[in-house]
Amino acid sequence: MTPAEFAAKWKGSTAQEGYASQEHLIDLCRMLGVPTPNEADPTGDFYAFEKGATKASGDDGFADVRKKGYFAWEYKGKRHDLNAAYQQLLQYHDALQNPPLLVVCDLNRFEVHTKFTNAVSTVHEFTLDELERSPQEPLRILRAVFSNPNELKPDVTPEELTKQAAQRFASLAQSIQSRGSQPQATAHFLNKLLFSLLAEDAGLLPNRLLSRLLDNTYKQPADLAAGLTELFTKMSTDGGWFGVERIEWFNGGLFDGAEVIELTRDEITILREVSRLDWSQVEPAIFGTLFERGLDPDKRSQLGAHYTDRASIESSRAAGDHRSTAPRVRGDAGQGAGRRCRPLRHGPHAG
C-alpha cells in the first residue's frame, strides 16, 4: 500500500473509530512494510491491540495499541478532541511501563508526543493530506514510531528549555517596556500570558486555546488585544463561553481584571514562538531567576519587583497537577503561572 492509497482510503472512510481503528493500524503496517501486532507477537505479550492497563486513578482501561518500549496509541473518531485522547494515554503511561512515544489519531490527524526520560516533550504532527502531498516527513515520523523511537528523541533538556522560555519572555518584557508601559502593568500582563500558556498544558484551558488565538490574529494586533480582553474577562469572573470553548473561573488575584497591552507584530511573533514551547517541562524554580537575569539592568529592579516569584509559579503548577486528576476544577491561579510549554511542534504544517 502506498501513502497515496492509504490516504485516499482513509480520507473517504466514515466508519466509527471502534470499527476502523485496528484496520487503520494494520494498513499503516502494510504501508511501512513492518509486521502487524499479531504477526510480530501472536501471544500479545509486548505488542497488541487493546492492551489492558490501570489508570492513575485506579480504574481499569486499555490502550488501543501498545508496543512495549516503543509506543502506546489511542484512537478517536474523526474530528474528535485529540487532547482528550492524549490525556487518556497519560493516565495509562506508568501502567504501560512508560513507552517513549504516545500517539493519538482520529484516522485523519496524527500527533506523536515524545515522553523520553530527562528530555523535554515534543509533538510531531501531520494529516492524511500531508501524507499524500509530501510523504517524506510523515513517513519518517511513522517509521520511527514503529521501528526506532530514539530517532524522535529531543536533544533539548528541561534546563535548556527553561532558559529559552525565560530569555524570550525577557525580550518581550523589554520590548513592551521600551514603548513606555508601566512596570507593574507590564509584569501583570506578562503573568497572565505566562499562566495561560502553562494552563494549556495542564488542561486548565482548552487545548492550545491561547496558541490558536495567536495564530489566528498575529497580523491584527487589535484583534488579538480584543480576544485577550475577552478571555481574561472570562477567567477573572465566572467563566463562560469563549467562542465554542468553555472557560473556567480562576480564583485568586492574577486575573482580577481584563486589562491587556496591545502588542506589536514583532512582539506577537515572540509570543507565538514562546507558545510553541513545552511549558510542562519548564523548571519553575529557576524560571524567575533567568527571566530577571535576561532583563536590562536599568529595568530589572522595576519589572522584577512586580514579577511573579518562584513560589507563585509552583503554586499554579500545583493547580495544573491537581487538574489532571479531576474532571473539572476551578484553577487556583492565585498568583502565578501554571504549566505549559511545548518544544517547537514538528510537522509539515508546524508554524
C-alpha atoms as a PDB file:
ATOM      1  CA  MET A   1       0.000   0.000   0.000  1.00  0.00           C
ATOM      2  CA  THR A   2       1.411   3.395  -0.985  1.00  0.00           C
ATOM      3  CA  PRO A   3       0.987   6.609   1.056  1.00  0.00           C
ATOM      4  CA  ALA A   4      -1.392   7.939  -1.603  1.00  0.00           C
ATOM      5  CA  GLU A   5      -3.500   4.760  -1.474  1.00  0.00           C
ATOM      6  CA  PHE A   6      -3.580   4.817   2.318  1.00  0.00           C
ATOM      7  CA  ALA A   7      -4.598   8.491   2.390  1.00  0.00           C
ATOM      8  CA  ALA A   8      -7.291   8.028  -0.238  1.00  0.00           C
ATOM      9  CA  LYS A   9      -8.810   5.056   1.576  1.00  0.00           C
ATOM     10  CA  TRP A  10      -8.976   6.711   4.983  1.00  0.00           C
ATOM     11  CA  LYS A  11      -9.978  10.190   3.877  1.00  0.00           C
ATOM     12  CA  GLY A  12     -13.032   8.549   2.354  1.00  0.00           C
ATOM     13  CA  SER A  13     -13.846   6.442   5.405  1.00  0.00           C
ATOM     14  CA  THR A  14     -16.872   7.339   7.532  1.00  0.00           C
ATOM     15  CA  ALA A  15     -16.602   4.308   9.825  1.00  0.00           C
ATOM     16  CA  GLN A  16     -16.687   4.878  13.565  1.00  0.00           C
ATOM     17  CA  GLU A  17     -13.426   4.675  15.471  1.00  0.00           C
ATOM     18  CA  GLY A  18     -14.294   1.408  17.202  1.00  0.00           C
ATOM     19  CA  TYR A  19     -14.829  -0.381  13.891  1.00  0.00           C
ATOM     20  CA  ALA A  20     -11.985   1.209  11.950  1.00  0.00           C
ATOM     21  CA  SER A  21      -9.031   1.651  14.308  1.00  0.00           C
ATOM     22  CA  GLN A  22      -7.457  -1.808  14.056  1.00  0.00           C
ATOM     23  CA  GLU A  23      -7.742  -1.912  10.274  1.00  0.00           C
ATOM     24  CA  HIS A  24      -6.269   1.591  10.141  1.00  0.00           C
ATOM     25  CA  LEU A  25      -3.188   0.486  12.085  1.00  0.00           C
ATOM     26  CA  ILE A  26      -2.811  -2.700  10.049  1.00  0.00           C
ATOM     27  CA  ASP A  27      -2.899  -0.610   6.874  1.00  0.00           C
ATOM     28  CA  LEU A  28      -0.181   1.618   8.341  1.00  0.00           C
ATOM     29  CA  CYS A  29       1.934  -1.501   8.911  1.00  0.00           C
ATOM     30  CA  ARG A  30       1.376  -2.612   5.332  1.00  0.00           C
ATOM     31  CA  MET A  31       2.323   0.830   4.025  1.00  0.00           C
ATOM     32  CA  LEU A  32       5.516   0.892   6.107  1.00  0.00           C
ATOM     33  CA  GLY A  33       6.422  -2.728   5.430  1.00  0.00           C
ATOM     34  CA  VAL A  34       6.534  -3.692   9.123  1.00  0.00           C
ATOM     35  CA  PRO A  35       4.816  -6.604  10.935  1.00  0.00           C
ATOM     36  CA  THR A  36       1.332  -6.115  12.336  1.00  0.00           C
ATOM     37  CA  PRO A  37       0.831  -6.680  16.086  1.00  0.00           C
ATOM     38  CA  ASN A  38      -0.322 -10.289  15.602  1.00  0.00           C
ATOM     39  CA  GLU A  39       2.470 -11.058  13.124  1.00  0.00           C
ATOM     40  CA  ALA A  40       5.137  -9.657  15.441  1.00  0.00           C
ATOM     41  CA  ASP A  41       3.689 -11.052  18.669  1.00  0.00           C
ATOM     42  CA  PRO A  42       0.990 -13.776  18.384  1.00  0.00           C
ATOM     43  CA  THR A  43       0.842 -14.020  22.194  1.00  0.00           C
ATOM     44  CA  GLY A  44       0.051 -10.308  22.638  1.00  0.00           C
ATOM     45  CA  ASP A  45       2.696 -10.034  25.338  1.00  0.00           C
ATOM     46  CA  PHE A  46       4.660  -6.998  24.106  1.00  0.00           C
ATOM     47  CA  TYR A  47       2.684  -5.823  21.057  1.00  0.00           C
ATOM     48  CA  ALA A  48      -1.097  -5.944  20.987  1.00  0.00           C
ATOM     49  CA  PHE A  49      -4.383  -4.214  20.371  1.00  0.00           C
ATOM     50  CA  GLU A  50      -6.496  -3.212  23.371  1.00  0.00           C
ATOM     51  CA  LYS A  51      -3.744  -3.660  25.924  1.00  0.00           C
ATOM     52  CA  GLY A  52      -5.248  -3.584  29.404  1.00  0.00           C
ATOM     53  CA  ALA A  53      -3.884  -1.020  31.841  1.00  0.00           C
ATOM     54  CA  THR A  54      -4.767   0.556  35.163  1.00  0.00           C
ATOM     55  CA  LYS A  55      -5.303   4.310  35.083  1.00  0.00           C
ATOM     56  CA  ALA A  56      -3.560   6.648  37.502  1.00  0.00           C
ATOM     57  CA  SER A  57      -6.955   6.972  39.230  1.00  0.00           C
ATOM     58  CA  GLY A  58      -7.007   3.214  39.866  1.00  0.00           C
ATOM     59  CA  ASP A  59      -9.732   2.455  37.316  1.00  0.00           C
ATOM     60  CA  ASP A  60      -9.221  -0.177  34.661  1.00  0.00           C
ATOM     61  CA  GLY A  61      -8.908   0.697  30.997  1.00  0.00           C
ATOM     62  CA  PHE A  62      -6.880  -0.115  27.922  1.00  0.00           C
ATOM     63  CA  ALA A  63      -4.751   1.499  25.237  1.00  0.00           C
ATOM     64  CA  ASP A  64      -5.952   0.847  21.692  1.00  0.00           C
ATOM     65  CA  VAL A  65      -2.469  -0.351  20.702  1.00  0.00           C
ATOM     66  CA  ARG A  66       0.713  -0.828  22.684  1.00  0.00           C
ATOM     67  CA  LYS A  67       4.182  -1.900  21.621  1.00  0.00           C
ATOM     68  CA  LYS A  68       6.390  -2.309  24.659  1.00  0.00           C
ATOM     69  CA  GLY A  69       9.347   0.054  24.670  1.00  0.00           C
ATOM     70  CA  TYR A  70       8.016   1.846  21.592  1.00  0.00           C
ATOM     71  CA  PHE A  71       4.591   3.434  21.877  1.00  0.00           C
ATOM     72  CA  ALA A  72       1.072   3.497  23.222  1.00  0.00           C
ATOM     73  CA  TRP A  73      -1.595   4.548  20.714  1.00  0.00           C
ATOM     74  CA  GLU A  74      -5.093   5.921  21.258  1.00  0.00           C
ATOM     75  CA  TYR A  75      -7.674   6.397  18.516  1.00  0.00           C
ATOM     76  CA  LYS A  76     -10.603   8.809  18.409  1.00  0.00           C
ATOM     77  CA  GLY A  77     -13.316   9.331  15.819  1.00  0.00           C
ATOM     78  CA  LYS A  78     -12.752  11.872  13.060  1.00  0.00           C
ATOM     79  CA  ARG A  79     -12.636  15.486  14.257  1.00  0.00           C
ATOM     80  CA  HIS A  80     -12.749  14.431  17.896  1.00  0.00           C
ATOM     81  CA  ASP A  81     -10.563  16.009  20.572  1.00  0.00           C
ATOM     82  CA  LEU A  82      -7.048  14.600  20.309  1.00  0.00           C
ATOM     83  CA  ASN A  83      -6.017  16.323  23.511  1.00  0.00           C
ATOM     84  CA  ALA A  84      -8.599  14.222  25.354  1.00  0.00           C
ATOM     85  CA  ALA A  85      -7.047  11.114  23.812  1.00  0.00           C
ATOM     86  CA  TYR A  86      -3.599  12.259  24.920  1.00  0.00           C
ATOM     87  CA  GLN A  87      -4.791  12.923  28.472  1.00  0.00           C
ATOM     88  CA  GLN A  88      -6.259   9.407  28.477  1.00  0.00           C
ATOM     89  CA  LEU A  89      -2.920   7.901  27.446  1.00  0.00           C
ATOM     90  CA  LEU A  90      -1.151   9.831  30.176  1.00  0.00           C
ATOM     91  CA  GLN A  91      -3.375   8.031  32.676  1.00  0.00           C
ATOM     92  CA  TYR A  92      -2.023   4.698  31.396  1.00  0.00           C
ATOM     93  CA  HIS A  93       1.592   5.749  30.932  1.00  0.00           C
ATOM     94  CA  ASP A  94       3.026   4.213  34.108  1.00  0.00           C
ATOM     95  CA  ALA A  95       0.947   1.042  33.822  1.00  0.00           C
ATOM     96  CA  LEU A  96       2.228   0.540  30.265  1.00  0.00           C
ATOM     97  CA  GLN A  97       5.821   0.786  31.511  1.00  0.00           C
ATOM     98  CA  ASN A  98       6.406   4.325  30.265  1.00  0.00           C
ATOM     99  CA  PRO A  99       6.616   3.998  26.489  1.00  0.00           C
ATOM    100  CA  PRO A 100       8.744   6.788  24.970  1.00  0.00           C
ATOM    101  CA  LEU A 101       6.053   7.752  22.442  1.00  0.00           C
ATOM    102  CA  LEU A 102       2.346   8.449  22.940  1.00  0.00           C
ATOM    103  CA  VAL A 103       0.393   8.558  19.679  1.00  0.00           C
ATOM    104  CA  VAL A 104      -3.119   9.922  19.221  1.00  0.00           C
ATOM    105  CA  CYS A 105      -5.025   9.732  15.957  1.00  0.00           C
ATOM    106  CA  ASP A 106      -8.538  10.418  14.643  1.00  0.00           C
ATOM    107  CA  LEU A 107      -7.965   8.387  11.434  1.00  0.00           C
ATOM    108  CA  ASN A 108      -7.022  11.641   9.679  1.00  0.00           C
ATOM    109  CA  ARG A 109      -4.794  13.600  12.068  1.00  0.00           C
ATOM    110  CA  PHE A 110      -1.721  12.129  13.765  1.00  0.00           C
ATOM    111  CA  GLU A 111       0.063  13.501  16.832  1.00  0.00           C
ATOM    112  CA  VAL A 112       3.183  11.802  18.213  1.00  0.00           C
ATOM    113  CA  HIS A 113       4.113  13.036  21.703  1.00  0.00           C
ATOM    114  CA  THR A 114       7.597  12.194  22.952  1.00  0.00           C
ATOM    115  CA  LYS A 115       7.937  11.137  26.603  1.00  0.00           C
ATOM    116  CA  PHE A 116      11.623  10.305  26.980  1.00  0.00           C
ATOM    117  CA  THR A 117      13.148  10.414  30.472  1.00  0.00           C
ATOM    118  CA  ASN A 118      15.192  13.569  31.181  1.00  0.00           C
ATOM    119  CA  ALA A 119      14.205  15.189  27.903  1.00  0.00           C
ATOM    120  CA  VAL A 120      11.608  17.757  27.013  1.00  0.00           C
ATOM    121  CA  SER A 121       8.418  16.608  25.335  1.00  0.00           C
ATOM    122  CA  THR A 122       7.825  17.417  21.679  1.00  0.00           C
ATOM    123  CA  VAL A 123       4.872  16.901  19.369  1.00  0.00           C
ATOM    124  CA  HIS A 124       5.232  15.680  15.785  1.00  0.00           C
ATOM    125  CA  GLU A 125       2.014  16.051  13.820  1.00  0.00           C
ATOM    126  CA  PHE A 126       0.674  15.608  10.310  1.00  0.00           C
ATOM    127  CA  THR A 127      -2.560  14.854   8.430  1.00  0.00           C
ATOM    128  CA  LEU A 128      -3.591  12.495   5.651  1.00  0.00           C
ATOM    129  CA  ASP A 129      -3.478  15.409   3.218  1.00  0.00           C
ATOM    130  CA  GLU A 130       0.170  15.982   4.120  1.00  0.00           C
ATOM    131  CA  LEU A 131       0.964  12.280   3.921  1.00  0.00           C
ATOM    132  CA  GLU A 132      -0.485  12.231   0.408  1.00  0.00           C
ATOM    133  CA  ARG A 133       1.045  15.514  -0.760  1.00  0.00           C
ATOM    134  CA  SER A 134       4.510  15.386   0.855  1.00  0.00           C
ATOM    135  CA  PRO A 135       5.015  11.930   2.365  1.00  0.00           C
ATOM    136  CA  GLN A 136       8.705  12.150   3.279  1.00  0.00           C
ATOM    137  CA  GLU A 137       8.375  13.700   6.735  1.00  0.00           C
ATOM    138  CA  PRO A 138       5.198  11.840   7.795  1.00  0.00           C
ATOM    139  CA  LEU A 139       6.826   8.570   6.758  1.00  0.00           C
ATOM    140  CA  ARG A 140       9.976   9.421   8.711  1.00  0.00           C
ATOM    141  CA  ILE A 141       7.867  10.017  11.811  1.00  0.00           C
ATOM    142  CA  LEU A 142       5.841   6.829  11.380  1.00  0.00           C
ATOM    143  CA  ARG A 143       8.909   4.660  10.733  1.00  0.00           C
ATOM    144  CA  ALA A 144      10.454   5.995  13.918  1.00  0.00           C
ATOM    145  CA  VAL A 145       7.283   5.214  15.869  1.00  0.00           C
ATOM    146  CA  PHE A 146       7.167   1.589  14.723  1.00  0.00           C
ATOM    147  CA  SER A 147      10.882   0.827  14.448  1.00  0.00           C
ATOM    148  CA  ASN A 148      13.193   3.378  16.098  1.00  0.00           C
ATOM    149  CA  PRO A 149      11.660   5.710  18.712  1.00  0.00           C
ATOM    150  CA  ASN A 150      15.058   7.199  19.599  1.00  0.00           C
ATOM    151  CA  GLU A 151      15.091   8.956  16.233  1.00  0.00           C
ATOM    152  CA  LEU A 152      12.434  11.278  17.673  1.00  0.00           C
ATOM    153  CA  LYS A 153      14.202  11.874  20.994  1.00  0.00           C
ATOM    154  CA  PRO A 154      14.689  15.626  21.554  1.00  0.00           C
ATOM    155  CA  ASP A 155      18.174  16.869  22.329  1.00  0.00           C
ATOM    156  CA  VAL A 156      16.935  19.752  24.475  1.00  0.00           C
ATOM    157  CA  THR A 157      16.978  19.328  28.260  1.00  0.00           C
ATOM    158  CA  PRO A 158      14.371  20.871  30.586  1.00  0.00           C
ATOM    159  CA  GLU A 159      17.045  23.273  31.833  1.00  0.00           C
ATOM    160  CA  GLU A 160      17.821  24.449  28.300  1.00  0.00           C
ATOM    161  CA  LEU A 161      14.133  24.797  27.538  1.00  0.00           C
ATOM    162  CA  THR A 162      13.577  26.858  30.690  1.00  0.00           C
ATOM    163  CA  LYS A 163      16.405  29.138  29.642  1.00  0.00           C
ATOM    164  CA  GLN A 164      14.847  29.583  26.184  1.00  0.00           C
ATOM    165  CA  ALA A 165      11.458  30.420  27.694  1.00  0.00           C
ATOM    166  CA  ALA A 166      12.906  32.902  30.186  1.00  0.00           C
ATOM    167  CA  GLN A 167      15.032  34.643  27.566  1.00  0.00           C
ATOM    168  CA  ARG A 168      12.091  35.059  25.196  1.00  0.00           C
ATOM    169  CA  PHE A 169       9.832  36.370  27.927  1.00  0.00           C
ATOM    170  CA  ALA A 170      12.565  38.810  28.974  1.00  0.00           C
ATOM    171  CA  SER A 171      12.896  40.085  25.399  1.00  0.00           C
ATOM    172  CA  LEU A 172       9.126  40.509  25.226  1.00  0.00           C
ATOM    173  CA  ALA A 173       9.140  42.423  28.514  1.00  0.00           C
ATOM    174  CA  GLN A 174      11.919  44.719  27.351  1.00  0.00           C
ATOM    175  CA  SER A 175      10.134  45.466  24.108  1.00  0.00           C
ATOM    176  CA  ILE A 176       6.912  46.367  25.920  1.00  0.00           C
ATOM    177  CA  GLN A 177       8.817  48.467  28.442  1.00  0.00           C
ATOM    178  CA  SER A 178      10.599  50.374  25.690  1.00  0.00           C
ATOM    179  CA  ARG A 179       7.212  51.624  24.486  1.00  0.00           C
ATOM    180  CA  GLY A 180       6.540  53.302  27.820  1.00  0.00           C
ATOM    181  CA  SER A 181       4.401  50.714  29.612  1.00  0.00           C
ATOM    182  CA  GLN A 182       4.483  50.963  33.399  1.00  0.00           C
ATOM    183  CA  PRO A 183       6.450  48.169  35.127  1.00  0.00           C
ATOM    184  CA  GLN A 184       3.552  46.933  37.248  1.00  0.00           C
ATOM    185  CA  ALA A 185       1.160  46.828  34.291  1.00  0.00           C
ATOM    186  CA  THR A 186       3.762  45.069  32.135  1.00  0.00           C
ATOM    187  CA  ALA A 187       4.517  42.432  34.759  1.00  0.00           C
ATOM    188  CA  HIS A 188       0.835  41.795  35.497  1.00  0.00           C
ATOM    189  CA  PHE A 189       0.072  41.356  31.793  1.00  0.00           C
ATOM    190  CA  LEU A 190       3.047  39.012  31.310  1.00  0.00           C
ATOM    191  CA  ASN A 191       1.974  36.966  34.316  1.00  0.00           C
ATOM    192  CA  LYS A 192      -1.453  36.439  32.775  1.00  0.00           C
ATOM    193  CA  LEU A 193       0.086  35.390  29.461  1.00  0.00           C
ATOM    194  CA  LEU A 194       2.523  33.078  31.223  1.00  0.00           C
ATOM    195  CA  PHE A 195      -0.168  31.417  33.282  1.00  0.00           C
ATOM    196  CA  SER A 196      -2.384  30.984  30.222  1.00  0.00           C
ATOM    197  CA  LEU A 197       0.394  29.218  28.325  1.00  0.00           C
ATOM    198  CA  LEU A 198       1.139  26.960  31.249  1.00  0.00           C
ATOM    199  CA  ALA A 199      -2.564  26.311  31.832  1.00  0.00           C
ATOM    200  CA  GLU A 200      -2.931  24.955  28.299  1.00  0.00           C
ATOM    201  CA  ASP A 201      -0.542  22.085  29.016  1.00  0.00           C
ATOM    202  CA  ALA A 202      -2.135  21.484  32.415  1.00  0.00           C
ATOM    203  CA  GLY A 203      -5.606  21.157  30.889  1.00  0.00           C
ATOM    204  CA  LEU A 204      -6.896  24.182  32.812  1.00  0.00           C
ATOM    205  CA  LEU A 205      -7.640  25.836  29.478  1.00  0.00           C
ATOM    206  CA  PRO A 206      -8.957  24.125  26.321  1.00  0.00           C
ATOM    207  CA  ASN A 207      -6.355  22.593  24.054  1.00  0.00           C
ATOM    208  CA  ARG A 208      -3.953  25.243  22.650  1.00  0.00           C
ATOM    209  CA  LEU A 209      -6.532  27.988  23.189  1.00  0.00           C
ATOM    210  CA  LEU A 210      -4.093  30.883  23.521  1.00  0.00           C
ATOM    211  CA  SER A 211      -1.818  29.422  20.859  1.00  0.00           C
ATOM    212  CA  ARG A 212      -4.715  29.209  18.404  1.00  0.00           C
ATOM    213  CA  LEU A 213      -5.751  32.768  19.222  1.00  0.00           C
ATOM    214  CA  LEU A 214      -2.208  33.957  18.484  1.00  0.00           C
ATOM    215  CA  ASP A 215      -2.063  32.001  15.225  1.00  0.00           C
ATOM    216  CA  ASN A 216      -5.369  33.447  14.043  1.00  0.00           C
ATOM    217  CA  THR A 217      -4.714  37.102  14.947  1.00  0.00           C
ATOM    218  CA  TYR A 218      -0.948  37.633  14.665  1.00  0.00           C
ATOM    219  CA  LYS A 219      -1.408  40.012  11.741  1.00  0.00           C
ATOM    220  CA  GLN A 220      -4.108  42.026  13.564  1.00  0.00           C
ATOM    221  CA  PRO A 221      -2.756  43.264  16.920  1.00  0.00           C
ATOM    222  CA  ALA A 222      -6.042  44.985  17.764  1.00  0.00           C
ATOM    223  CA  ASP A 223      -7.964  41.738  17.228  1.00  0.00           C
ATOM    224  CA  LEU A 224      -5.533  39.875  19.472  1.00  0.00           C
ATOM    225  CA  ALA A 225      -5.950  42.516  22.182  1.00  0.00           C
ATOM    226  CA  ALA A 226      -9.733  42.211  21.943  1.00  0.00           C
ATOM    227  CA  GLY A 227      -9.525  38.413  22.129  1.00  0.00           C
ATOM    228  CA  LEU A 228      -7.225  38.504  25.160  1.00  0.00           C
ATOM    229  CA  THR A 229      -9.516  41.002  26.868  1.00  0.00           C
ATOM    230  CA  GLU A 230     -12.496  38.699  26.410  1.00  0.00           C
ATOM    231  CA  LEU A 231     -10.527  35.628  27.523  1.00  0.00           C
ATOM    232  CA  PHE A 232      -9.121  37.287  30.645  1.00  0.00           C
ATOM    233  CA  THR A 233     -12.586  38.611  31.491  1.00  0.00           C
ATOM    234  CA  LYS A 234     -13.973  35.073  31.468  1.00  0.00           C
ATOM    235  CA  MET A 235     -11.069  33.821  33.561  1.00  0.00           C
ATOM    236  CA  SER A 236     -11.422  36.617  36.128  1.00  0.00           C
ATOM    237  CA  THR A 237     -15.196  36.493  36.697  1.00  0.00           C
ATOM    238  CA  ASP A 238     -17.465  33.467  36.462  1.00  0.00           C
ATOM    239  CA  GLY A 239     -16.042  31.741  33.417  1.00  0.00           C
ATOM    240  CA  GLY A 240     -18.266  31.156  30.425  1.00  0.00           C
ATOM    241  CA  TRP A 241     -18.019  30.539  26.696  1.00  0.00           C
ATOM    242  CA  PHE A 242     -15.126  31.858  24.641  1.00  0.00           C
ATOM    243  CA  GLY A 243     -16.292  31.088  21.132  1.00  0.00           C
ATOM    244  CA  VAL A 244     -17.088  27.375  21.233  1.00  0.00           C
ATOM    245  CA  GLU A 245     -14.782  26.692  24.186  1.00  0.00           C
ATOM    246  CA  ARG A 246     -15.876  26.606  27.818  1.00  0.00           C
ATOM    247  CA  ILE A 247     -13.633  28.657  30.139  1.00  0.00           C
ATOM    248  CA  GLU A 248     -13.465  28.051  33.868  1.00  0.00           C
ATOM    249  CA  TRP A 249     -13.211  30.757  36.503  1.00  0.00           C
ATOM    250  CA  PHE A 250      -9.735  31.186  38.015  1.00  0.00           C
ATOM    251  CA  ASN A 251      -9.809  32.319  41.608  1.00  0.00           C
ATOM    252  CA  GLY A 252      -7.155  34.388  43.375  1.00  0.00           C
ATOM    253  CA  GLY A 253      -5.747  37.694  42.280  1.00  0.00           C
ATOM    254  CA  LEU A 254      -3.945  37.099  38.999  1.00  0.00           C
ATOM    255  CA  PHE A 255      -6.997  37.520  36.774  1.00  0.00           C
ATOM    256  CA  ASP A 256      -8.527  40.337  38.815  1.00  0.00           C
ATOM    257  CA  GLY A 257      -9.006  42.389  35.683  1.00  0.00           C
ATOM    258  CA  ALA A 258      -9.055  42.065  31.930  1.00  0.00           C
ATOM    259  CA  GLU A 259      -6.566  44.819  31.118  1.00  0.00           C
ATOM    260  CA  VAL A 260      -4.219  43.957  28.278  1.00  0.00           C
ATOM    261  CA  ILE A 261      -1.375  45.687  26.472  1.00  0.00           C
ATOM    262  CA  GLU A 262      -1.746  45.772  22.712  1.00  0.00           C
ATOM    263  CA  LEU A 263       1.314  44.047  21.273  1.00  0.00           C
ATOM    264  CA  THR A 264       3.176  44.950  18.114  1.00  0.00           C
ATOM    265  CA  ARG A 265       3.561  42.408  15.326  1.00  0.00           C
ATOM    266  CA  ASP A 266       7.175  41.762  16.379  1.00  0.00           C
ATOM    267  CA  GLU A 267       6.071  41.156  19.961  1.00  0.00           C
ATOM    268  CA  ILE A 268       3.306  38.809  18.807  1.00  0.00           C
ATOM    269  CA  THR A 269       5.932  36.881  16.833  1.00  0.00           C
ATOM    270  CA  ILE A 270       7.959  36.426  20.025  1.00  0.00           C
ATOM    271  CA  LEU A 271       4.864  35.285  21.903  1.00  0.00           C
ATOM    272  CA  ARG A 272       3.928  32.818  19.146  1.00  0.00           C
ATOM    273  CA  GLU A 273       7.420  31.318  19.353  1.00  0.00           C
ATOM    274  CA  VAL A 274       7.066  31.053  23.121  1.00  0.00           C
ATOM    275  CA  SER A 275       3.661  29.389  22.776  1.00  0.00           C
ATOM    276  CA  ARG A 276       5.243  26.538  20.822  1.00  0.00           C
ATOM    277  CA  LEU A 277       7.497  25.583  23.710  1.00  0.00           C
ATOM    278  CA  ASP A 278       6.608  22.701  26.036  1.00  0.00           C
ATOM    279  CA  TRP A 279       5.740  24.528  29.215  1.00  0.00           C
ATOM    280  CA  SER A 280       5.163  21.285  31.091  1.00  0.00           C
ATOM    281  CA  GLN A 281       8.965  20.914  31.027  1.00  0.00           C
ATOM    282  CA  VAL A 282       9.789  24.385  32.360  1.00  0.00           C
ATOM    283  CA  GLU A 283      11.554  24.388  35.735  1.00  0.00           C
ATOM    284  CA  PRO A 284       9.645  26.906  37.910  1.00  0.00           C
ATOM    285  CA  ALA A 285      12.418  27.083  40.477  1.00  0.00           C
ATOM    286  CA  ILE A 286      14.776  28.739  38.010  1.00  0.00           C
ATOM    287  CA  PHE A 287      12.429  30.437  35.520  1.00  0.00           C
ATOM    288  CA  GLY A 288      12.036  33.638  37.572  1.00  0.00           C
ATOM    289  CA  THR A 289      15.755  33.972  38.169  1.00  0.00           C
ATOM    290  CA  LEU A 290      16.601  33.507  34.492  1.00  0.00           C
ATOM    291  CA  PHE A 291      13.822  35.888  33.482  1.00  0.00           C
ATOM    292  CA  GLU A 292      15.151  38.699  35.657  1.00  0.00           C
ATOM    293  CA  ARG A 293      18.731  37.978  34.592  1.00  0.00           C
ATOM    294  CA  GLY A 294      17.634  38.496  30.993  1.00  0.00           C
ATOM    295  CA  LEU A 295      16.247  41.963  31.665  1.00  0.00           C
ATOM    296  CA  ASP A 296      18.152  45.163  31.034  1.00  0.00           C
ATOM    297  CA  PRO A 297      19.856  46.155  34.333  1.00  0.00           C
ATOM    298  CA  ASP A 298      18.085  49.528  34.294  1.00  0.00           C
ATOM    299  CA  LYS A 299      14.696  47.815  34.069  1.00  0.00           C
ATOM    300  CA  ARG A 300      15.413  44.787  36.248  1.00  0.00           C
ATOM    301  CA  SER A 301      14.622  46.361  39.602  1.00  0.00           C
ATOM    302  CA  GLN A 302      11.447  47.953  38.260  1.00  0.00           C
ATOM    303  CA  LEU A 303       9.912  44.990  36.495  1.00  0.00           C
ATOM    304  CA  GLY A 304      11.408  42.251  38.627  1.00  0.00           C
ATOM    305  CA  ALA A 305       9.827  43.715  41.732  1.00  0.00           C
ATOM    306  CA  HIS A 306       6.400  43.095  40.252  1.00  0.00           C
ATOM    307  CA  TYR A 307       7.106  39.790  38.569  1.00  0.00           C
ATOM    308  CA  THR A 308       5.742  36.507  39.912  1.00  0.00           C
ATOM    309  CA  ASP A 309       8.185  34.722  42.202  1.00  0.00           C
ATOM    310  CA  ARG A 310       9.058  31.041  42.037  1.00  0.00           C
ATOM    311  CA  ALA A 311       6.618  30.125  44.827  1.00  0.00           C
ATOM    312  CA  SER A 312       3.768  31.600  42.823  1.00  0.00           C
ATOM    313  CA  ILE A 313       4.748  29.670  39.734  1.00  0.00           C
ATOM    314  CA  GLU A 314       4.975  26.464  41.776  1.00  0.00           C
ATOM    315  CA  SER A 315       1.557  27.196  43.287  1.00  0.00           C
ATOM    316  CA  SER A 316      -0.039  27.480  39.881  1.00  0.00           C
ATOM    317  CA  ARG A 317       1.815  24.415  38.622  1.00  0.00           C
ATOM    318  CA  ALA A 318       0.303  22.502  41.526  1.00  0.00           C
ATOM    319  CA  ALA A 319      -3.111  23.647  40.371  1.00  0.00           C
ATOM    320  CA  GLY A 320      -2.372  22.137  36.981  1.00  0.00           C
ATOM    321  CA  ASP A 321      -1.240  18.868  38.534  1.00  0.00           C
ATOM    322  CA  HIS A 322      -4.479  18.729  40.541  1.00  0.00           C
ATOM    323  CA  ARG A 323      -6.486  19.386  37.384  1.00  0.00           C
ATOM    324  CA  SER A 324      -5.160  16.207  35.792  1.00  0.00           C
ATOM    325  CA  THR A 325      -6.903  14.085  38.429  1.00  0.00           C
ATOM    326  CA  ALA A 326     -10.254  15.895  38.470  1.00  0.00           C
ATOM    327  CA  PRO A 327     -12.772  16.176  35.666  1.00  0.00           C
ATOM    328  CA  ARG A 328     -13.435  19.838  36.440  1.00  0.00           C
ATOM    329  CA  VAL A 329     -11.719  22.253  38.763  1.00  0.00           C
ATOM    330  CA  ARG A 330     -11.584  25.962  39.259  1.00  0.00           C
ATOM    331  CA  GLY A 331      -7.953  26.712  38.619  1.00  0.00           C
ATOM    332  CA  ASP A 332      -6.013  28.058  41.574  1.00  0.00           C
ATOM    333  CA  ALA A 333      -4.483  30.830  39.566  1.00  0.00           C
ATOM    334  CA  GLY A 334      -3.882  32.604  42.803  1.00  0.00           C
ATOM    335  CA  GLN A 335      -0.628  34.204  41.969  1.00  0.00           C
ATOM    336  CA  GLY A 336       1.168  32.991  39.012  1.00  0.00           C
ATOM    337  CA  ALA A 337       1.696  30.792  36.116  1.00  0.00           C
ATOM    338  CA  GLY A 338       0.785  27.147  35.765  1.00  0.00           C
ATOM    339  CA  ARG A 339       2.347  24.711  33.395  1.00  0.00           C
ATOM    340  CA  ARG A 340       2.529  24.552  29.672  1.00  0.00           C
ATOM    341  CA  CYS A 341       5.169  24.687  27.082  1.00  0.00           C
ATOM    342  CA  ARG A 342       5.878  22.680  24.080  1.00  0.00           C
ATOM    343  CA  PRO A 343       9.287  22.489  22.487  1.00  0.00           C
ATOM    344  CA  LEU A 344       8.610  23.524  18.928  1.00  0.00           C
ATOM    345  CA  ARG A 345       5.990  21.375  17.268  1.00  0.00           C
ATOM    346  CA  HIS A 346       7.264  19.403  14.310  1.00  0.00           C
ATOM    347  CA  GLY A 347       5.434  18.529  11.156  1.00  0.00           C
ATOM    348  CA  PRO A 348       4.689  19.705   7.665  1.00  0.00           C
ATOM    349  CA  HIS A 349       2.293  22.381   8.928  1.00  0.00           C
ATOM    350  CA  ALA A 350       4.118  23.419  12.096  1.00  0.00           C
ATOM    351  CA  GLY A 351       4.327  27.143  12.358  1.00  0.00           C
END
